[in-house]
Amino acid sequence: MIRIEISLFLRNAPGELAQLTELLAGANINIDAITIQDASAYVQNLFEARGKSLKRLASSASYSSMRRDSAQFALTRLIVDQPEKAIDLLKENDYLFDSKEVVAIDITNKPGEFTKINRKLGEEKININYVYGSVSDSDGKCLFIFSPEDVKTAADIFKDGY
């Protein structure tokens, strides 16, 4: 199923995540999935990729500055039950964010089930940019979020299950 993922940078400081989740909860918006990572690696990779695409390398001073600045933030990606409402709320509260389509798949929590999905995407030549997921219990379903290069085709592959 295609879902909307919201990506934002939060300050890497105590209470920032609580402030965001309190804002969403106050609007009766439920978080279905979330991942948070130190933004420094993300920003560093982006910085290096841009340097390579311009056929030059950044100066060491630029890298040092970028590492110091990016360590102050965390890249937060989340799936919510009311994305349009969440987007409006984030705009009203001056959050800097982006949104995009991703594919959400409920997976049976058994060895090899995740492999089946990855194999199908590979057979269709669909690259996975990133994935995150959760496990509720050994007998339950797991929700995994995939960011494939071709969201529509990936969603079509799994419209009737995996």
C-alpha atoms as a PDB file:
ATOM      1  CA  MET A   1       0.000   0.000   0.000  1.00  0.00           C
ATOM      2  CA  ILE A   2       1.291   3.460  -0.846  1.00  0.00           C
ATOM      3  CA  ARG A   3       1.615   5.704   2.206  1.00  0.00           C
ATOM      4  CA  ILE A   4       2.946   9.212   2.741  1.00  0.00           C
ATOM      5  CA  GLU A   5       6.197   9.461   4.676  1.00  0.00           C
ATOM      6  CA  ILE A   6       7.078  12.719   6.400  1.00  0.00           C
ATOM      7  CA  SER A   7      10.793  13.452   6.821  1.00  0.00           C
ATOM      8  CA  LEU A   8      12.037  16.220   9.058  1.00  0.00           C
ATOM      9  CA  PHE A   9      15.155  17.278  10.882  1.00  0.00           C
ATOM     10  CA  LEU A  10      14.721  17.626  14.616  1.00  0.00           C
ATOM     11  CA  ARG A  11      17.281  19.254  16.850  1.00  0.00           C
ATOM     12  CA  ASN A  12      19.294  16.539  18.539  1.00  0.00           C
ATOM     13  CA  ALA A  13      18.356  17.700  22.038  1.00  0.00           C
ATOM     14  CA  PRO A  14      16.359  16.353  24.987  1.00  0.00           C
ATOM     15  CA  GLY A  15      12.624  16.936  24.630  1.00  0.00           C
ATOM     16  CA  GLU A  16      12.513  17.617  20.880  1.00  0.00           C
ATOM     17  CA  LEU A  17      10.920  14.281  20.012  1.00  0.00           C
ATOM     18  CA  ALA A  18       8.460  14.649  22.894  1.00  0.00           C
ATOM     19  CA  GLN A  19       7.447  18.062  21.560  1.00  0.00           C
ATOM     20  CA  LEU A  20       6.762  16.625  18.102  1.00  0.00           C
ATOM     21  CA  THR A  21       4.861  13.596  19.377  1.00  0.00           C
ATOM     22  CA  GLU A  22       2.845  15.725  21.794  1.00  0.00           C
ATOM     23  CA  LEU A  23       1.862  18.004  18.919  1.00  0.00           C
ATOM     24  CA  LEU A  24       0.687  15.039  16.853  1.00  0.00           C
ATOM     25  CA  ALA A  25      -1.092  13.360  19.763  1.00  0.00           C
ATOM     26  CA  GLY A  26      -2.863  16.623  20.612  1.00  0.00           C
ATOM     27  CA  ALA A  27      -4.343  16.577  17.106  1.00  0.00           C
ATOM     28  CA  ASN A  28      -5.318  12.898  17.495  1.00  0.00           C
ATOM     29  CA  ILE A  29      -2.743  11.820  14.883  1.00  0.00           C
ATOM     30  CA  ASN A  30      -1.289   8.357  15.434  1.00  0.00           C
ATOM     31  CA  ILE A  31       2.274   7.416  14.467  1.00  0.00           C
ATOM     32  CA  ASP A  32       2.231   4.062  12.664  1.00  0.00           C
ATOM     33  CA  ALA A  33       5.999   3.892  12.027  1.00  0.00           C
ATOM     34  CA  ILE A  34       9.019   6.012  12.857  1.00  0.00           C
ATOM     35  CA  THR A  35      12.760   5.904  12.397  1.00  0.00           C
ATOM     36  CA  ILE A  36      15.296   8.374  13.695  1.00  0.00           C
ATOM     37  CA  GLN A  37      18.963   8.543  12.832  1.00  0.00           C
ATOM     38  CA  ASP A  38      21.808  10.883  13.538  1.00  0.00           C
ATOM     39  CA  ALA A  39      21.783  13.228  10.578  1.00  0.00           C
ATOM     40  CA  SER A  40      25.553  13.539  10.404  1.00  0.00           C
ATOM     41  CA  ALA A  41      26.045  10.374   8.303  1.00  0.00           C
ATOM     42  CA  TYR A  42      23.148  11.327   6.025  1.00  0.00           C
ATOM     43  CA  VAL A  43      24.421  14.851   5.502  1.00  0.00           C
ATOM     44  CA  GLN A  44      28.001  13.648   5.050  1.00  0.00           C
ATOM     45  CA  ASN A  45      26.958  11.180   2.335  1.00  0.00           C
ATOM     46  CA  LEU A  46      24.907  13.861   0.618  1.00  0.00           C
ATOM     47  CA  PHE A  47      27.805  16.291   0.831  1.00  0.00           C
ATOM     48  CA  GLU A  48      30.251  13.748  -0.599  1.00  0.00           C
ATOM     49  CA  ALA A  49      27.858  12.775  -3.406  1.00  0.00           C
ATOM     50  CA  ARG A  50      27.433  16.397  -4.406  1.00  0.00           C
ATOM     51  CA  GLY A  51      31.192  16.889  -4.341  1.00  0.00           C
ATOM     52  CA  LYS A  52      31.682  13.900  -6.655  1.00  0.00           C
ATOM     53  CA  SER A  53      28.945  15.039  -9.009  1.00  0.00           C
ATOM     54  CA  LEU A  54      30.720  18.378  -9.341  1.00  0.00           C
ATOM     55  CA  LYS A  55      34.027  16.574 -10.004  1.00  0.00           C
ATOM     56  CA  ARG A  56      35.630  18.093  -6.929  1.00  0.00           C
ATOM     57  CA  LEU A  57      36.149  17.243  -3.314  1.00  0.00           C
ATOM     58  CA  ALA A  58      35.158  19.569  -0.530  1.00  0.00           C
ATOM     59  CA  SER A  59      37.826  21.082   1.658  1.00  0.00           C
ATOM     60  CA  SER A  60      38.532  19.495   5.025  1.00  0.00           C
ATOM     61  CA  ALA A  61      37.261  22.687   6.685  1.00  0.00           C
ATOM     62  CA  SER A  62      33.931  22.224   4.899  1.00  0.00           C
ATOM     63  CA  TYR A  63      33.696  18.613   6.063  1.00  0.00           C
ATOM     64  CA  SER A  64      34.503  19.568   9.655  1.00  0.00           C
ATOM     65  CA  SER A  65      31.891  22.297   9.649  1.00  0.00           C
ATOM     66  CA  MET A  66      29.307  20.004   8.086  1.00  0.00           C
ATOM     67  CA  ARG A  67      29.946  17.225  10.633  1.00  0.00           C
ATOM     68  CA  ARG A  68      29.693  19.634  13.555  1.00  0.00           C
ATOM     69  CA  ASP A  69      26.473  21.231  12.290  1.00  0.00           C
ATOM     70  CA  SER A  70      24.756  18.004  11.261  1.00  0.00           C
ATOM     71  CA  ALA A  71      25.419  16.303  14.612  1.00  0.00           C
ATOM     72  CA  GLN A  72      23.013  18.844  16.074  1.00  0.00           C
ATOM     73  CA  PHE A  73      20.115  17.303  14.160  1.00  0.00           C
ATOM     74  CA  ALA A  74      18.422  13.946  13.725  1.00  0.00           C
ATOM     75  CA  LEU A  75      16.708  12.819  10.533  1.00  0.00           C
ATOM     76  CA  THR A  76      13.214  11.664  11.515  1.00  0.00           C
ATOM     77  CA  ARG A  77      10.975   9.749   9.139  1.00  0.00           C
ATOM     78  CA  LEU A  78       7.437   8.873  10.127  1.00  0.00           C
ATOM     79  CA  ILE A  79       4.240   7.369   8.824  1.00  0.00           C
ATOM     80  CA  VAL A  80       1.050   8.674  10.412  1.00  0.00           C
ATOM     81  CA  ASP A  81      -2.597   7.730  10.075  1.00  0.00           C
ATOM     82  CA  GLN A  82      -3.610  11.230   8.901  1.00  0.00           C
ATOM     83  CA  PRO A  83      -0.751  12.577   6.763  1.00  0.00           C
ATOM     84  CA  GLU A  84      -2.595  15.601   5.331  1.00  0.00           C
ATOM     85  CA  LYS A  85      -3.592  16.748   8.799  1.00  0.00           C
ATOM     86  CA  ALA A  86      -0.042  16.171  10.093  1.00  0.00           C
ATOM     87  CA  ILE A  87       1.438  18.147   7.196  1.00  0.00           C
ATOM     88  CA  ASP A  88      -0.879  21.076   7.902  1.00  0.00           C
ATOM     89  CA  LEU A  89       0.024  20.920  11.585  1.00  0.00           C
ATOM     90  CA  LEU A  90       3.756  20.853  10.866  1.00  0.00           C
ATOM     91  CA  LYS A  91       3.393  23.859   8.550  1.00  0.00           C
ATOM     92  CA  GLU A  92       1.426  25.782  11.187  1.00  0.00           C
ATOM     93  CA  ASN A  93       4.180  25.099  13.714  1.00  0.00           C
ATOM     94  CA  ASP A  94       7.064  26.080  11.404  1.00  0.00           C
ATOM     95  CA  TYR A  95       8.667  22.641  11.072  1.00  0.00           C
ATOM     96  CA  LEU A  96      10.912  22.140   8.068  1.00  0.00           C
ATOM     97  CA  PHE A  97       9.901  18.868   6.449  1.00  0.00           C
ATOM     98  CA  ASP A  98       9.362  17.004   3.230  1.00  0.00           C
ATOM     99  CA  SER A  99       6.901  14.292   2.279  1.00  0.00           C
ATOM    100  CA  LYS A 100       6.950  11.526  -0.278  1.00  0.00           C
ATOM    101  CA  GLU A 101       5.265   8.301  -1.213  1.00  0.00           C
ATOM    102  CA  VAL A 102       6.624   5.022   0.150  1.00  0.00           C
ATOM    103  CA  VAL A 103       5.333   1.456   0.193  1.00  0.00           C
ATOM    104  CA  ALA A 104       4.054  -0.008   3.481  1.00  0.00           C
ATOM    105  CA  ILE A 105       3.719  -3.782   3.702  1.00  0.00           C
ATOM    106  CA  ASP A 106       2.373  -5.905   6.560  1.00  0.00           C
ATOM    107  CA  ILE A 107       4.675  -8.895   6.876  1.00  0.00           C
ATOM    108  CA  THR A 108       4.119 -12.127   8.774  1.00  0.00           C
ATOM    109  CA  ASN A 109       6.756 -12.421  11.485  1.00  0.00           C
ATOM    110  CA  LYS A 110       8.478 -15.602  10.281  1.00  0.00           C
ATOM    111  CA  PRO A 111      11.986 -16.295   8.977  1.00  0.00           C
ATOM    112  CA  GLY A 112      12.217 -15.696   5.230  1.00  0.00           C
ATOM    113  CA  GLU A 113       9.125 -13.499   4.855  1.00  0.00           C
ATOM    114  CA  PHE A 114      11.208 -10.318   4.525  1.00  0.00           C
ATOM    115  CA  THR A 115      13.353 -12.138   1.972  1.00  0.00           C
ATOM    116  CA  LYS A 116      10.311 -12.874  -0.220  1.00  0.00           C
ATOM    117  CA  ILE A 117       9.584  -9.165  -0.551  1.00  0.00           C
ATOM    118  CA  ASN A 118      13.174  -8.216  -1.234  1.00  0.00           C
ATOM    119  CA  ARG A 119      13.483 -10.974  -3.823  1.00  0.00           C
ATOM    120  CA  LYS A 120      10.347  -9.797  -5.671  1.00  0.00           C
ATOM    121  CA  LEU A 121      11.615  -6.233  -5.782  1.00  0.00           C
ATOM    122  CA  GLY A 122      14.993  -7.463  -7.025  1.00  0.00           C
ATOM    123  CA  GLU A 123      13.413  -9.625  -9.718  1.00  0.00           C
ATOM    124  CA  GLU A 124      11.521  -6.557 -10.950  1.00  0.00           C
ATOM    125  CA  LYS A 125      14.797  -4.572 -10.939  1.00  0.00           C
ATOM    126  CA  ILE A 126      13.459  -2.139  -8.329  1.00  0.00           C
ATOM    127  CA  ASN A 127      16.158  -0.710  -6.099  1.00  0.00           C
ATOM    128  CA  ILE A 128      15.397  -0.127  -2.414  1.00  0.00           C
ATOM    129  CA  ASN A 129      16.733   3.204  -1.167  1.00  0.00           C
ATOM    130  CA  TYR A 130      16.018   2.406   2.478  1.00  0.00           C
ATOM    131  CA  VAL A 131      13.678   0.339   4.626  1.00  0.00           C
ATOM    132  CA  TYR A 132      12.593   0.294   8.256  1.00  0.00           C
ATOM    133  CA  GLY A 133      10.156  -1.801  10.173  1.00  0.00           C
ATOM    134  CA  SER A 134       8.914  -3.180  13.440  1.00  0.00           C
ATOM    135  CA  VAL A 135       7.896  -6.401  15.117  1.00  0.00           C
ATOM    136  CA  SER A 136       5.030  -6.526  17.569  1.00  0.00           C
ATOM    137  CA  ASP A 137       5.259 -10.158  18.662  1.00  0.00           C
ATOM    138  CA  SER A 138       6.297 -13.527  17.280  1.00  0.00           C
ATOM    139  CA  ASP A 139       2.799 -14.363  15.992  1.00  0.00           C
ATOM    140  CA  GLY A 140       1.777 -10.931  14.801  1.00  0.00           C
ATOM    141  CA  LYS A 141       2.230  -8.898  11.692  1.00  0.00           C
ATOM    142  CA  CYS A 142       5.109  -6.513  11.195  1.00  0.00           C
ATOM    143  CA  LEU A 143       4.895  -3.207   9.363  1.00  0.00           C
ATOM    144  CA  PHE A 144       7.804  -2.495   7.061  1.00  0.00           C
ATOM    145  CA  ILE A 145       8.254   0.738   5.138  1.00  0.00           C
ATOM    146  CA  PHE A 146      10.110   0.584   1.831  1.00  0.00           C
ATOM    147  CA  SER A 147      11.404   3.522  -0.159  1.00  0.00           C
ATOM    148  CA  PRO A 148      11.866   2.026  -3.623  1.00  0.00           C
ATOM    149  CA  GLU A 149      12.966   4.002  -6.646  1.00  0.00           C
ATOM    150  CA  ASP A 150       9.694   3.104  -8.390  1.00  0.00           C
ATOM    151  CA  VAL A 151       6.943   3.416  -5.769  1.00  0.00           C
ATOM    152  CA  LYS A 152       4.011   2.736  -8.105  1.00  0.00           C
ATOM    153  CA  THR A 153       5.442  -0.462  -9.578  1.00  0.00           C
ATOM    154  CA  ALA A 154       6.493  -1.721  -6.151  1.00  0.00           C
ATOM    155  CA  ALA A 155       3.020  -1.054  -4.743  1.00  0.00           C
ATOM    156  CA  ASP A 156       1.420  -2.846  -7.706  1.00  0.00           C
ATOM    157  CA  ILE A 157       3.577  -5.919  -7.090  1.00  0.00           C
ATOM    158  CA  PHE A 158       2.260  -6.268  -3.545  1.00  0.00           C
ATOM    159  CA  LYS A 159      -1.338  -5.067  -3.974  1.00  0.00           C
ATOM    160  CA  ASP A 160      -2.620  -8.610  -3.413  1.00  0.00           C
ATOM    161  CA  GLY A 161      -0.039  -9.484  -0.738  1.00  0.00           C
ATOM    162  CA  TYR A 162       3.397 -10.912  -1.044  1.00  0.00           C
END
